[in-house]
Amino acid sequence: MKEIIAIIRPCKSYETKNLLAKKGFFALSNYQVLGKGKGAPGGAIINDVEDERKQICAPQMHAKTLIDMYVRDCDADEVIDIITKANKTDTHGDGKIFVIPCENALRIRTGEKKDEAIL
């Protein structure tokens, strides 16, 4: 199993979830988050009067949507392709996808384990 975490633009959230559902990937968690990529800090540079050092404070955070889902190993590449196609605009801020191995899962109600627990 794999955990797939995608951080995307909020305006692409509906399209992404719709495309995933059309391919049979319904199980996911959706969060509204704030974040900052690797670009310029975007914060104000202030002078600290006490020690006369310049400091960067309060970098600008951007609204993003975080989608978290667990899939079988054999489905991971398809899910990544769907998310990529739905979110690629070739501009800064398209997002990131993280793929993390998941050792086990357990459905509490039935006791199903591993892939059966997420299907």
PDB file of N, CA and C in Angstrom:
ATOM      1  N   MET A   1       0.825  -1.177   0.000  1.00  0.00           N
ATOM      2  CA  MET A   1       0.000   0.000   0.000  1.00  0.00           C
ATOM      3  C   MET A   1       0.872   1.243   0.000  1.00  0.00           C
ATOM      4  N   LYS A   2       0.270   2.325  -0.519  1.00  0.00           N
ATOM      5  CA  LYS A   2       0.944   3.618  -0.544  1.00  0.00           C
ATOM      6  C   LYS A   2       0.005   4.681   0.011  1.00  0.00           C
ATOM      7  N   GLU A   3       0.581   5.632   0.717  1.00  0.00           N
ATOM      8  CA  GLU A   3      -0.138   6.837   1.086  1.00  0.00           C
ATOM      9  C   GLU A   3       0.252   7.892   0.065  1.00  0.00           C
ATOM     10  N   ILE A   4      -0.724   8.542  -0.509  1.00  0.00           N
ATOM     11  CA  ILE A   4      -0.466   9.609  -1.469  1.00  0.00           C
ATOM     12  C   ILE A   4      -0.996  10.909  -0.870  1.00  0.00           C
ATOM     13  N   ILE A   5      -0.106  11.863  -0.740  1.00  0.00           N
ATOM     14  CA  ILE A   5      -0.456  13.179  -0.227  1.00  0.00           C
ATOM     15  C   ILE A   5      -0.233  14.167  -1.359  1.00  0.00           C
ATOM     16  N   ALA A   6      -1.288  14.856  -1.745  1.00  0.00           N
ATOM     17  CA  ALA A   6      -1.185  15.861  -2.803  1.00  0.00           C
ATOM     18  C   ALA A   6      -1.556  17.215  -2.222  1.00  0.00           C
ATOM     19  N   ILE A   7      -0.701  18.196  -2.470  1.00  0.00           N
ATOM     20  CA  ILE A   7      -0.979  19.571  -2.075  1.00  0.00           C
ATOM     21  C   ILE A   7      -1.205  20.341  -3.362  1.00  0.00           C
ATOM     22  N   ILE A   8      -2.430  20.843  -3.536  1.00  0.00           N
ATOM     23  CA  ILE A   8      -2.834  21.429  -4.810  1.00  0.00           C
ATOM     24  C   ILE A   8      -3.527  22.778  -4.597  1.00  0.00           C
ATOM     25  N   ARG A   9      -3.787  23.457  -5.696  1.00  0.00           N
ATOM     26  CA  ARG A   9      -4.541  24.714  -5.642  1.00  0.00           C
ATOM     27  C   ARG A   9      -5.987  24.406  -5.244  1.00  0.00           C
ATOM     28  N   PRO A  10      -6.582  25.236  -4.391  1.00  0.00           N
ATOM     29  CA  PRO A  10      -7.978  25.006  -4.009  1.00  0.00           C
ATOM     30  C   PRO A  10      -8.936  25.006  -5.215  1.00  0.00           C
ATOM     31  N   CYS A  11      -8.661  25.816  -6.219  1.00  0.00           N
ATOM     32  CA  CYS A  11      -9.542  25.882  -7.383  1.00  0.00           C
ATOM     33  C   CYS A  11      -9.492  24.612  -8.230  1.00  0.00           C
ATOM     34  N   LYS A  12      -8.528  23.739  -7.989  1.00  0.00           N
ATOM     35  CA  LYS A  12      -8.412  22.477  -8.718  1.00  0.00           C
ATOM     36  C   LYS A  12      -8.933  21.287  -7.915  1.00  0.00           C
ATOM     37  N   SER A  13      -9.372  21.541  -6.693  1.00  0.00           N
ATOM     38  CA  SER A  13      -9.795  20.471  -5.801  1.00  0.00           C
ATOM     39  C   SER A  13     -10.982  19.682  -6.355  1.00  0.00           C
ATOM     40  N   TYR A  14     -12.035  20.381  -6.776  1.00  0.00           N
ATOM     41  CA  TYR A  14     -13.233  19.697  -7.273  1.00  0.00           C
ATOM     42  C   TYR A  14     -12.905  18.852  -8.500  1.00  0.00           C
ATOM     43  N   GLU A  15     -12.180  19.422  -9.443  1.00  0.00           N
ATOM     44  CA  GLU A  15     -11.821  18.687 -10.661  1.00  0.00           C
ATOM     45  C   GLU A  15     -10.997  17.440 -10.330  1.00  0.00           C
ATOM     46  N   THR A  16     -10.056  17.585  -9.411  1.00  0.00           N
ATOM     47  CA  THR A  16      -9.202  16.455  -9.024  1.00  0.00           C
ATOM     48  C   THR A  16     -10.034  15.333  -8.404  1.00  0.00           C
ATOM     49  N   LYS A  17     -10.892  15.679  -7.442  1.00  0.00           N
ATOM     50  CA  LYS A  17     -11.724  14.665  -6.781  1.00  0.00           C
ATOM     51  C   LYS A  17     -12.703  14.030  -7.763  1.00  0.00           C
ATOM     52  N   ASN A  18     -13.226  14.808  -8.693  1.00  0.00           N
ATOM     53  CA  ASN A  18     -14.147  14.289  -9.699  1.00  0.00           C
ATOM     54  C   ASN A  18     -13.446  13.276 -10.613  1.00  0.00           C
ATOM     55  N   LEU A  19     -12.246  13.606 -11.083  1.00  0.00           N
ATOM     56  CA  LEU A  19     -11.503  12.687 -11.944  1.00  0.00           C
ATOM     57  C   LEU A  19     -11.108  11.415 -11.203  1.00  0.00           C
ATOM     58  N   LEU A  20     -10.716  11.549  -9.938  1.00  0.00           N
ATOM     59  CA  LEU A  20     -10.386  10.361  -9.144  1.00  0.00           C
ATOM     60  C   LEU A  20     -11.621   9.468  -8.987  1.00  0.00           C
ATOM     61  N   ALA A  21     -12.774  10.064  -8.709  1.00  0.00           N
ATOM     62  CA  ALA A  21     -14.012   9.289  -8.528  1.00  0.00           C
ATOM     63  C   ALA A  21     -14.407   8.581  -9.816  1.00  0.00           C
ATOM     64  N   LYS A  22     -14.237   9.242 -10.953  1.00  0.00           N
ATOM     65  CA  LYS A  22     -14.581   8.620 -12.242  1.00  0.00           C
ATOM     66  C   LYS A  22     -13.755   7.361 -12.495  1.00  0.00           C
ATOM     67  N   LYS A  23     -12.554   7.312 -11.943  1.00  0.00           N
ATOM     68  CA  LYS A  23     -11.684   6.142 -12.102  1.00  0.00           C
ATOM     69  C   LYS A  23     -11.817   5.160 -10.941  1.00  0.00           C
ATOM     70  N   GLY A  24     -12.767   5.426 -10.027  1.00  0.00           N
ATOM     71  CA  GLY A  24     -13.030   4.482  -8.948  1.00  0.00           C
ATOM     72  C   GLY A  24     -12.274   4.734  -7.664  1.00  0.00           C
ATOM     73  N   PHE A  25     -11.631   5.872  -7.546  1.00  0.00           N
ATOM     74  CA  PHE A  25     -10.884   6.203  -6.335  1.00  0.00           C
ATOM     75  C   PHE A  25     -11.702   7.206  -5.519  1.00  0.00           C
ATOM     76  N   PHE A  26     -12.546   6.682  -4.628  1.00  0.00           N
ATOM     77  CA  PHE A  26     -13.460   7.504  -3.856  1.00  0.00           C
ATOM     78  C   PHE A  26     -12.923   7.854  -2.474  1.00  0.00           C
ATOM     79  N   ALA A  27     -12.133   6.970  -1.887  1.00  0.00           N
ATOM     80  CA  ALA A  27     -11.707   7.123  -0.495  1.00  0.00           C
ATOM     81  C   ALA A  27     -10.539   8.092  -0.389  1.00  0.00           C
ATOM     82  N   LEU A  28     -10.811   9.236   0.231  1.00  0.00           N
ATOM     83  CA  LEU A  28      -9.757  10.218   0.449  1.00  0.00           C
ATOM     84  C   LEU A  28     -10.166  11.162   1.558  1.00  0.00           C
ATOM     85  N   SER A  29      -9.198  11.866   2.078  1.00  0.00           N
ATOM     86  CA  SER A  29      -9.452  12.938   3.035  1.00  0.00           C
ATOM     87  C   SER A  29      -9.033  14.243   2.379  1.00  0.00           C
ATOM     88  N   ASN A  30      -9.774  15.297   2.663  1.00  0.00           N
ATOM     89  CA  ASN A  30      -9.555  16.588   2.023  1.00  0.00           C
ATOM     90  C   ASN A  30      -9.416  17.648   3.127  1.00  0.00           C
ATOM     91  N   TYR A  31      -8.343  18.415   3.092  1.00  0.00           N
ATOM     92  CA  TYR A  31      -8.093  19.436   4.108  1.00  0.00           C
ATOM     93  C   TYR A  31      -7.781  20.767   3.431  1.00  0.00           C
ATOM     94  N   GLN A  32      -8.244  21.845   4.019  1.00  0.00           N
ATOM     95  CA  GLN A  32      -7.842  23.180   3.590  1.00  0.00           C
ATOM     96  C   GLN A  32      -6.650  23.568   4.453  1.00  0.00           C
ATOM     97  N   VAL A  33      -5.525  23.916   3.816  1.00  0.00           N
ATOM     98  CA  VAL A  33      -4.301  24.216   4.553  1.00  0.00           C
ATOM     99  C   VAL A  33      -3.690  25.521   4.047  1.00  0.00           C
ATOM    100  N   LEU A  34      -2.744  26.036   4.806  1.00  0.00           N
ATOM    101  CA  LEU A  34      -1.935  27.175   4.387  1.00  0.00           C
ATOM    102  C   LEU A  34      -0.503  26.695   4.285  1.00  0.00           C
ATOM    103  N   GLY A  35       0.220  27.170   3.271  1.00  0.00           N
ATOM    104  CA  GLY A  35       1.586  26.711   3.122  1.00  0.00           C
ATOM    105  C   GLY A  35       2.435  27.683   2.340  1.00  0.00           C
ATOM    106  N   LYS A  36       3.715  27.360   2.284  1.00  0.00           N
ATOM    107  CA  LYS A  36       4.697  28.186   1.597  1.00  0.00           C
ATOM    108  C   LYS A  36       5.662  27.282   0.878  1.00  0.00           C
ATOM    109  N   GLY A  37       5.854  27.508  -0.402  1.00  0.00           N
ATOM    110  CA  GLY A  37       6.786  26.721  -1.202  1.00  0.00           C
ATOM    111  C   GLY A  37       8.210  27.233  -1.067  1.00  0.00           C
ATOM    112  N   LYS A  38       9.053  26.846  -2.025  1.00  0.00           N
ATOM    113  CA  LYS A  38      10.468  27.186  -1.933  1.00  0.00           C
ATOM    114  C   LYS A  38      10.812  28.544  -2.528  1.00  0.00           C
ATOM    115  N   GLY A  39       9.840  29.256  -3.050  1.00  0.00           N
ATOM    116  CA  GLY A  39      10.089  30.557  -3.674  1.00  0.00           C
ATOM    117  C   GLY A  39      10.611  31.585  -2.689  1.00  0.00           C
ATOM    118  N   ALA A  40      10.705  32.826  -3.168  1.00  0.00           N
ATOM    119  CA  ALA A  40      11.182  33.926  -2.330  1.00  0.00           C
ATOM    120  C   ALA A  40      10.335  34.021  -1.068  1.00  0.00           C
ATOM    121  N   PRO A  41      10.931  34.470   0.029  1.00  0.00           N
ATOM    122  CA  PRO A  41      10.222  34.472   1.308  1.00  0.00           C
ATOM    123  C   PRO A  41       8.894  35.217   1.298  1.00  0.00           C
ATOM    124  N   GLY A  42       8.793  36.328   0.609  1.00  0.00           N
ATOM    125  CA  GLY A  42       7.538  37.052   0.551  1.00  0.00           C
ATOM    126  C   GLY A  42       7.160  37.733   1.851  1.00  0.00           C
ATOM    127  N   GLY A  43       8.047  37.724   2.816  1.00  0.00           N
ATOM    128  CA  GLY A  43       7.768  38.383   4.084  1.00  0.00           C
ATOM    129  C   GLY A  43       8.421  39.755   4.113  1.00  0.00           C
ATOM    130  N   ALA A  44       8.150  40.478   5.139  1.00  0.00           N
ATOM    131  CA  ALA A  44       8.747  41.798   5.281  1.00  0.00           C
ATOM    132  C   ALA A  44      10.139  41.667   5.889  1.00  0.00           C
ATOM    133  N   ILE A  45      11.066  42.485   5.426  1.00  0.00           N
ATOM    134  CA  ILE A  45      12.393  42.522   6.032  1.00  0.00           C
ATOM    135  C   ILE A  45      12.393  43.703   6.993  1.00  0.00           C
ATOM    136  N   ILE A  46      12.680  43.421   8.246  1.00  0.00           N
ATOM    137  CA  ILE A  46      12.639  44.490   9.250  1.00  0.00           C
ATOM    138  C   ILE A  46      14.010  44.649   9.881  1.00  0.00           C
ATOM    139  N   ASN A  47      14.251  45.799  10.406  1.00  0.00           N
ATOM    140  CA  ASN A  47      15.487  46.044  11.145  1.00  0.00           C
ATOM    141  C   ASN A  47      15.207  45.837  12.620  1.00  0.00           C
ATOM    142  N   ASP A  48      15.975  44.963  13.244  1.00  0.00           N
ATOM    143  CA  ASP A  48      15.856  44.745  14.672  1.00  0.00           C
ATOM    144  C   ASP A  48      16.737  45.795  15.356  1.00  0.00           C
ATOM    145  N   VAL A  49      16.110  46.746  15.967  1.00  0.00           N
ATOM    146  CA  VAL A  49      16.831  47.878  16.544  1.00  0.00           C
ATOM    147  C   VAL A  49      17.815  47.420  17.615  1.00  0.00           C
ATOM    148  N   GLU A  50      17.460  46.411  18.393  1.00  0.00           N
ATOM    149  CA  GLU A  50      18.309  45.999  19.512  1.00  0.00           C
ATOM    150  C   GLU A  50      19.646  45.431  19.071  1.00  0.00           C
ATOM    151  N   ASP A  51      19.661  44.596  18.027  1.00  0.00           N
ATOM    152  CA  ASP A  51      20.950  44.016  17.632  1.00  0.00           C
ATOM    153  C   ASP A  51      21.323  44.353  16.193  1.00  0.00           C
ATOM    154  N   GLU A  52      20.591  45.256  15.564  1.00  0.00           N
ATOM    155  CA  GLU A  52      20.886  45.781  14.242  1.00  0.00           C
ATOM    156  C   GLU A  52      21.055  44.700  13.174  1.00  0.00           C
ATOM    157  N   ARG A  53      20.341  43.608  13.294  1.00  0.00           N
ATOM    158  CA  ARG A  53      20.360  42.575  12.262  1.00  0.00           C
ATOM    159  C   ARG A  53      19.064  42.648  11.484  1.00  0.00           C
ATOM    160  N   LYS A  54      19.142  42.342  10.184  1.00  0.00           N
ATOM    161  CA  LYS A  54      17.920  42.272   9.390  1.00  0.00           C
ATOM    162  C   LYS A  54      17.323  40.885   9.559  1.00  0.00           C
ATOM    163  N   GLN A  55      16.019  40.847   9.717  1.00  0.00           N
ATOM    164  CA  GLN A  55      15.321  39.572   9.881  1.00  0.00           C
ATOM    165  C   GLN A  55      14.152  39.517   8.921  1.00  0.00           C
ATOM    166  N   ILE A  56      13.843  38.341   8.513  1.00  0.00           N
ATOM    167  CA  ILE A  56      12.667  38.132   7.686  1.00  0.00           C
ATOM    168  C   ILE A  56      11.567  37.627   8.601  1.00  0.00           C
ATOM    169  N   CYS A  57      10.397  38.262   8.533  1.00  0.00           N
ATOM    170  CA  CYS A  57       9.318  37.828   9.394  1.00  0.00           C
ATOM    171  C   CYS A  57       8.063  37.601   8.575  1.00  0.00           C
ATOM    172  N   ALA A  58       7.194  36.789   9.092  1.00  0.00           N
ATOM    173  CA  ALA A  58       5.860  36.547   8.547  1.00  0.00           C
ATOM    174  C   ALA A  58       5.843  36.284   7.049  1.00  0.00           C
ATOM    175  N   PRO A  59       6.436  35.167   6.598  1.00  0.00           N
ATOM    176  CA  PRO A  59       6.337  34.865   5.170  1.00  0.00           C
ATOM    177  C   PRO A  59       4.878  34.678   4.772  1.00  0.00           C
ATOM    178  N   GLN A  60       4.552  35.110   3.580  1.00  0.00           N
ATOM    179  CA  GLN A  60       3.172  35.019   3.112  1.00  0.00           C
ATOM    180  C   GLN A  60       2.797  33.561   2.876  1.00  0.00           C
ATOM    181  N   MET A  61       1.702  33.145   3.471  1.00  0.00           N
ATOM    182  CA  MET A  61       1.216  31.779   3.316  1.00  0.00           C
ATOM    183  C   MET A  61       0.119  31.777   2.263  1.00  0.00           C
ATOM    184  N   HIS A  62       0.012  30.669   1.541  1.00  0.00           N
ATOM    185  CA  HIS A  62      -0.963  30.557   0.464  1.00  0.00           C
ATOM    186  C   HIS A  62      -1.963  29.452   0.797  1.00  0.00           C
ATOM    187  N   ALA A  63      -3.219  29.693   0.461  1.00  0.00           N
ATOM    188  CA  ALA A  63      -4.255  28.679   0.661  1.00  0.00           C
ATOM    189  C   ALA A  63      -4.014  27.529  -0.307  1.00  0.00           C
ATOM    190  N   LYS A  64      -4.063  26.324   0.194  1.00  0.00           N
ATOM    191  CA  LYS A  64      -3.903  25.112  -0.610  1.00  0.00           C
ATOM    192  C   LYS A  64      -4.899  24.069  -0.125  1.00  0.00           C
ATOM    193  N   THR A  65      -5.088  23.056  -0.923  1.00  0.00           N
ATOM    194  CA  THR A  65      -5.890  21.902  -0.542  1.00  0.00           C
ATOM    195  C   THR A  65      -4.958  20.713  -0.429  1.00  0.00           C
ATOM    196  N   LEU A  66      -5.079  19.971   0.654  1.00  0.00           N
ATOM    197  CA  LEU A  66      -4.287  18.762   0.851  1.00  0.00           C
ATOM    198  C   LEU A  66      -5.228  17.567   0.718  1.00  0.00           C
ATOM    199  N   ILE A  67      -4.900  16.694  -0.210  1.00  0.00           N
ATOM    200  CA  ILE A  67      -5.653  15.447  -0.395  1.00  0.00           C
ATOM    201  C   ILE A  67      -4.774  14.306   0.086  1.00  0.00           C
ATOM    202  N   ASP A  68      -5.330  13.490   0.966  1.00  0.00           N
ATOM    203  CA  ASP A  68      -4.594  12.373   1.562  1.00  0.00           C
ATOM    204  C   ASP A  68      -5.373  11.104   1.251  1.00  0.00           C
ATOM    205  N   MET A  69      -4.708  10.127   0.628  1.00  0.00           N
ATOM    206  CA  MET A  69      -5.398   8.885   0.304  1.00  0.00           C
ATOM    207  C   MET A  69      -4.446   7.702   0.360  1.00  0.00           C
ATOM    208  N   TYR A  70      -5.036   6.531   0.551  1.00  0.00           N
ATOM    209  CA  TYR A  70      -4.288   5.280   0.617  1.00  0.00           C
ATOM    210  C   TYR A  70      -4.757   4.404  -0.531  1.00  0.00           C
ATOM    211  N   VAL A  71      -3.803   3.853  -1.274  1.00  0.00           N
ATOM    212  CA  VAL A  71      -4.137   3.032  -2.438  1.00  0.00           C
ATOM    213  C   VAL A  71      -3.250   1.794  -2.471  1.00  0.00           C
ATOM    214  N   ARG A  72      -3.713   0.808  -3.235  1.00  0.00           N
ATOM    215  CA  ARG A  72      -2.872  -0.375  -3.449  1.00  0.00           C
ATOM    216  C   ARG A  72      -1.633   0.034  -4.238  1.00  0.00           C
ATOM    217  N   ASP A  73      -0.553  -0.703  -4.068  1.00  0.00           N
ATOM    218  CA  ASP A  73       0.685  -0.411  -4.793  1.00  0.00           C
ATOM    219  C   ASP A  73       0.440  -0.340  -6.299  1.00  0.00           C
ATOM    220  N   CYS A  74      -0.376  -1.243  -6.811  1.00  0.00           N
ATOM    221  CA  CYS A  74      -0.614  -1.304  -8.253  1.00  0.00           C
ATOM    222  C   CYS A  74      -1.430  -0.114  -8.767  1.00  0.00           C
ATOM    223  N   ASP A  75      -2.093   0.637  -7.884  1.00  0.00           N
ATOM    224  CA  ASP A  75      -2.896   1.795  -8.290  1.00  0.00           C
ATOM    225  C   ASP A  75      -2.170   3.124  -8.119  1.00  0.00           C
ATOM    226  N   ALA A  76      -1.025   3.118  -7.467  1.00  0.00           N
ATOM    227  CA  ALA A  76      -0.346   4.375  -7.127  1.00  0.00           C
ATOM    228  C   ALA A  76      -0.004   5.202  -8.362  1.00  0.00           C
ATOM    229  N   ASP A  77       0.563   4.603  -9.386  1.00  0.00           N
ATOM    230  CA  ASP A  77       0.947   5.363 -10.575  1.00  0.00           C
ATOM    231  C   ASP A  77      -0.260   5.973 -11.274  1.00  0.00           C
ATOM    232  N   GLU A  78      -1.372   5.247 -11.326  1.00  0.00           N
ATOM    233  CA  GLU A  78      -2.578   5.780 -11.956  1.00  0.00           C
ATOM    234  C   GLU A  78      -3.115   6.982 -11.182  1.00  0.00           C
ATOM    235  N   VAL A  79      -3.144   6.890  -9.866  1.00  0.00           N
ATOM    236  CA  VAL A  79      -3.613   8.001  -9.039  1.00  0.00           C
ATOM    237  C   VAL A  79      -2.707   9.217  -9.213  1.00  0.00           C
ATOM    238  N   ILE A  80      -1.409   8.996  -9.234  1.00  0.00           N
ATOM    239  CA  ILE A  80      -0.457  10.092  -9.437  1.00  0.00           C
ATOM    240  C   ILE A  80      -0.692  10.752 -10.792  1.00  0.00           C
ATOM    241  N   ASP A  81      -0.908   9.964 -11.833  1.00  0.00           N
ATOM    242  CA  ASP A  81      -1.184  10.514 -13.169  1.00  0.00           C
ATOM    243  C   ASP A  81      -2.456  11.344 -13.181  1.00  0.00           C
ATOM    244  N   ILE A  82      -3.505  10.860 -12.532  1.00  0.00           N
ATOM    245  CA  ILE A  82      -4.773  11.588 -12.485  1.00  0.00           C
ATOM    246  C   ILE A  82      -4.580  12.936 -11.784  1.00  0.00           C
ATOM    247  N   ILE A  83      -3.918  12.914 -10.647  1.00  0.00           N
ATOM    248  CA  ILE A  83      -3.705  14.156  -9.892  1.00  0.00           C
ATOM    249  C   ILE A  83      -2.839  15.129 -10.699  1.00  0.00           C
ATOM    250  N   THR A  84      -1.801  14.613 -11.329  1.00  0.00           N
ATOM    251  CA  THR A  84      -0.913  15.459 -12.122  1.00  0.00           C
ATOM    252  C   THR A  84      -1.660  16.103 -13.287  1.00  0.00           C
ATOM    253  N   LYS A  85      -2.416  15.315 -14.025  1.00  0.00           N
ATOM    254  CA  LYS A  85      -3.154  15.856 -15.182  1.00  0.00           C
ATOM    255  C   LYS A  85      -4.182  16.898 -14.760  1.00  0.00           C
ATOM    256  N   ALA A  86      -4.819  16.697 -13.622  1.00  0.00           N
ATOM    257  CA  ALA A  86      -5.847  17.637 -13.165  1.00  0.00           C
ATOM    258  C   ALA A  86      -5.254  18.952 -12.666  1.00  0.00           C
ATOM    259  N   ASN A  87      -3.975  18.956 -12.288  1.00  0.00           N
ATOM    260  CA  ASN A  87      -3.405  20.127 -11.627  1.00  0.00           C
ATOM    261  C   ASN A  87      -2.276  20.818 -12.366  1.00  0.00           C
ATOM    262  N   LYS A  88      -1.806  20.255 -13.453  1.00  0.00           N
ATOM    263  CA  LYS A  88      -0.660  20.832 -14.159  1.00  0.00           C
ATOM    264  C   LYS A  88      -1.080  22.044 -14.991  1.00  0.00           C
ATOM    265  N   THR A  89      -0.535  23.209 -14.626  1.00  0.00           N
ATOM    266  CA  THR A  89      -0.770  24.425 -15.392  1.00  0.00           C
ATOM    267  C   THR A  89       0.548  25.005 -15.904  1.00  0.00           C
ATOM    268  N   ASP A  90       1.652  24.374 -15.571  1.00  0.00           N
ATOM    269  CA  ASP A  90       2.992  24.838 -15.926  1.00  0.00           C
ATOM    270  C   ASP A  90       3.334  26.200 -15.332  1.00  0.00           C
ATOM    271  N   THR A  91       2.747  26.517 -14.189  1.00  0.00           N
ATOM    272  CA  THR A  91       3.085  27.752 -13.490  1.00  0.00           C
ATOM    273  C   THR A  91       3.434  27.423 -12.043  1.00  0.00           C
ATOM    274  N   HIS A  92       4.110  28.371 -11.385  1.00  0.00           N
ATOM    275  CA  HIS A  92       4.466  28.182  -9.977  1.00  0.00           C
ATOM    276  C   HIS A  92       3.207  27.971  -9.159  1.00  0.00           C
ATOM    277  N   GLY A  93       3.280  27.048  -8.210  1.00  0.00           N
ATOM    278  CA  GLY A  93       2.154  26.813  -7.317  1.00  0.00           C
ATOM    279  C   GLY A  93       1.245  25.675  -7.731  1.00  0.00           C
ATOM    280  N   ASP A  94       1.637  24.902  -8.766  1.00  0.00           N
ATOM    281  CA  ASP A  94       0.812  23.759  -9.182  1.00  0.00           C
ATOM    282  C   ASP A  94       0.687  22.722  -8.078  1.00  0.00           C
ATOM    283  N   GLY A  95       1.664  22.617  -7.201  1.00  0.00           N
ATOM    284  CA  GLY A  95       1.560  21.715  -6.061  1.00  0.00           C
ATOM    285  C   GLY A  95       2.636  20.654  -6.028  1.00  0.00           C
ATOM    286  N   LYS A  96       2.453  19.739  -5.098  1.00  0.00           N
ATOM    287  CA  LYS A  96       3.399  18.632  -4.895  1.00  0.00           C
ATOM    288  C   LYS A  96       2.617  17.371  -4.599  1.00  0.00           C
ATOM    289  N   ILE A  97       3.214  16.239  -4.929  1.00  0.00           N
ATOM    290  CA  ILE A  97       2.654  14.933  -4.590  1.00  0.00           C
ATOM    291  C   ILE A  97       3.737  14.156  -3.851  1.00  0.00           C
ATOM    292  N   PHE A  98       3.357  13.602  -2.715  1.00  0.00           N
ATOM    293  CA  PHE A  98       4.269  12.779  -1.925  1.00  0.00           C
ATOM    294  C   PHE A  98       3.712  11.363  -1.890  1.00  0.00           C
ATOM    295  N   VAL A  99       4.586  10.378  -2.080  1.00  0.00           N
ATOM    296  CA  VAL A  99       4.183   8.972  -2.048  1.00  0.00           C
ATOM    297  C   VAL A  99       4.979   8.306  -0.935  1.00  0.00           C
ATOM    298  N   ILE A 100       4.239   7.714   0.013  1.00  0.00           N
ATOM    299  CA  ILE A 100       4.854   7.152   1.209  1.00  0.00           C
ATOM    300  C   ILE A 100       4.410   5.696   1.353  1.00  0.00           C
ATOM    301  N   PRO A 101       5.335   4.772   1.594  1.00  0.00           N
ATOM    302  CA  PRO A 101       4.917   3.391   1.811  1.00  0.00           C
ATOM    303  C   PRO A 101       4.076   3.267   3.080  1.00  0.00           C
ATOM    304  N   CYS A 102       3.069   2.433   3.012  1.00  0.00           N
ATOM    305  CA  CYS A 102       2.202   2.177   4.166  1.00  0.00           C
ATOM    306  C   CYS A 102       2.301   0.687   4.483  1.00  0.00           C
ATOM    307  N   GLU A 103       2.716   0.383   5.661  1.00  0.00           N
ATOM    308  CA  GLU A 103       2.979  -1.004   6.041  1.00  0.00           C
ATOM    309  C   GLU A 103       1.711  -1.816   6.243  1.00  0.00           C
ATOM    310  N   ASN A 104       0.685  -1.217   6.829  1.00  0.00           N
ATOM    311  CA  ASN A 104      -0.504  -1.997   7.146  1.00  0.00           C
ATOM    312  C   ASN A 104      -1.697  -1.070   7.327  1.00  0.00           C
ATOM    313  N   ALA A 105      -2.878  -1.639   7.232  1.00  0.00           N
ATOM    314  CA  ALA A 105      -4.130  -0.931   7.514  1.00  0.00           C
ATOM    315  C   ALA A 105      -5.083  -1.934   8.144  1.00  0.00           C
ATOM    316  N   LEU A 106      -5.993  -1.442   8.957  1.00  0.00           N
ATOM    317  CA  LEU A 106      -6.956  -2.311   9.626  1.00  0.00           C
ATOM    318  C   LEU A 106      -8.301  -1.608   9.669  1.00  0.00           C
ATOM    319  N   ARG A 107      -9.327  -2.243   9.119  1.00  0.00           N
ATOM    320  CA  ARG A 107     -10.688  -1.709   9.226  1.00  0.00           C
ATOM    321  C   ARG A 107     -11.231  -2.173  10.574  1.00  0.00           C
ATOM    322  N   ILE A 108     -11.508  -1.235  11.439  1.00  0.00           N
ATOM    323  CA  ILE A 108     -11.894  -1.550  12.814  1.00  0.00           C
ATOM    324  C   ILE A 108     -13.169  -2.396  12.851  1.00  0.00           C
ATOM    325  N   ARG A 109     -14.180  -2.025  12.075  1.00  0.00           N
ATOM    326  CA  ARG A 109     -15.476  -2.700  12.141  1.00  0.00           C
ATOM    327  C   ARG A 109     -15.384  -4.179  11.776  1.00  0.00           C
ATOM    328  N   THR A 110     -14.636  -4.515  10.710  1.00  0.00           N
ATOM    329  CA  THR A 110     -14.631  -5.890  10.208  1.00  0.00           C
ATOM    330  C   THR A 110     -13.352  -6.666  10.528  1.00  0.00           C
ATOM    331  N   GLY A 111     -12.313  -5.953  10.895  1.00  0.00           N
ATOM    332  CA  GLY A 111     -11.035  -6.622  11.145  1.00  0.00           C
ATOM    333  C   GLY A 111     -10.231  -6.871   9.880  1.00  0.00           C
ATOM    334  N   GLU A 112     -10.729  -6.424   8.719  1.00  0.00           N
ATOM    335  CA  GLU A 112      -9.982  -6.606   7.470  1.00  0.00           C
ATOM    336  C   GLU A 112      -8.647  -5.888   7.564  1.00  0.00           C
ATOM    337  N   LYS A 113      -7.638  -6.469   6.929  1.00  0.00           N
ATOM    338  CA  LYS A 113      -6.291  -5.929   6.995  1.00  0.00           C
ATOM    339  C   LYS A 113      -5.740  -5.687   5.600  1.00  0.00           C
ATOM    340  N   LYS A 114      -4.684  -4.878   5.563  1.00  0.00           N
ATOM    341  CA  LYS A 114      -3.944  -4.546   4.348  1.00  0.00           C
ATOM    342  C   LYS A 114      -4.863  -4.024   3.253  1.00  0.00           C
ATOM    343  N   ASP A 115      -4.707  -4.510   2.014  1.00  0.00           N
ATOM    344  CA  ASP A 115      -5.470  -3.989   0.886  1.00  0.00           C
ATOM    345  C   ASP A 115      -6.978  -4.105   1.077  1.00  0.00           C
ATOM    346  N   GLU A 116      -7.436  -5.193   1.722  1.00  0.00           N
ATOM    347  CA  GLU A 116      -8.871  -5.380   1.924  1.00  0.00           C
ATOM    348  C   GLU A 116      -9.450  -4.268   2.798  1.00  0.00           C
ATOM    349  N   ALA A 117      -8.650  -3.718   3.666  1.00  0.00           N
ATOM    350  CA  ALA A 117      -9.129  -2.662   4.578  1.00  0.00           C
ATOM    351  C   ALA A 117      -9.345  -1.335   3.860  1.00  0.00           C
ATOM    352  N   ILE A 118      -8.713  -1.138   2.712  1.00  0.00           N
ATOM    353  CA  ILE A 118      -8.853   0.147   2.017  1.00  0.00           C
ATOM    354  C   ILE A 118      -9.723   0.043   0.772  1.00  0.00           C
ATOM    355  N   LEU A 119     -10.178  -1.150   0.437  1.00  0.00           N
ATOM    356  CA  LEU A 119     -11.022  -1.310  -0.751  1.00  0.00           C
ATOM    357  C   LEU A 119     -12.478  -1.257  -0.404  1.00  0.00           C
TER     358      LEU A 119
END
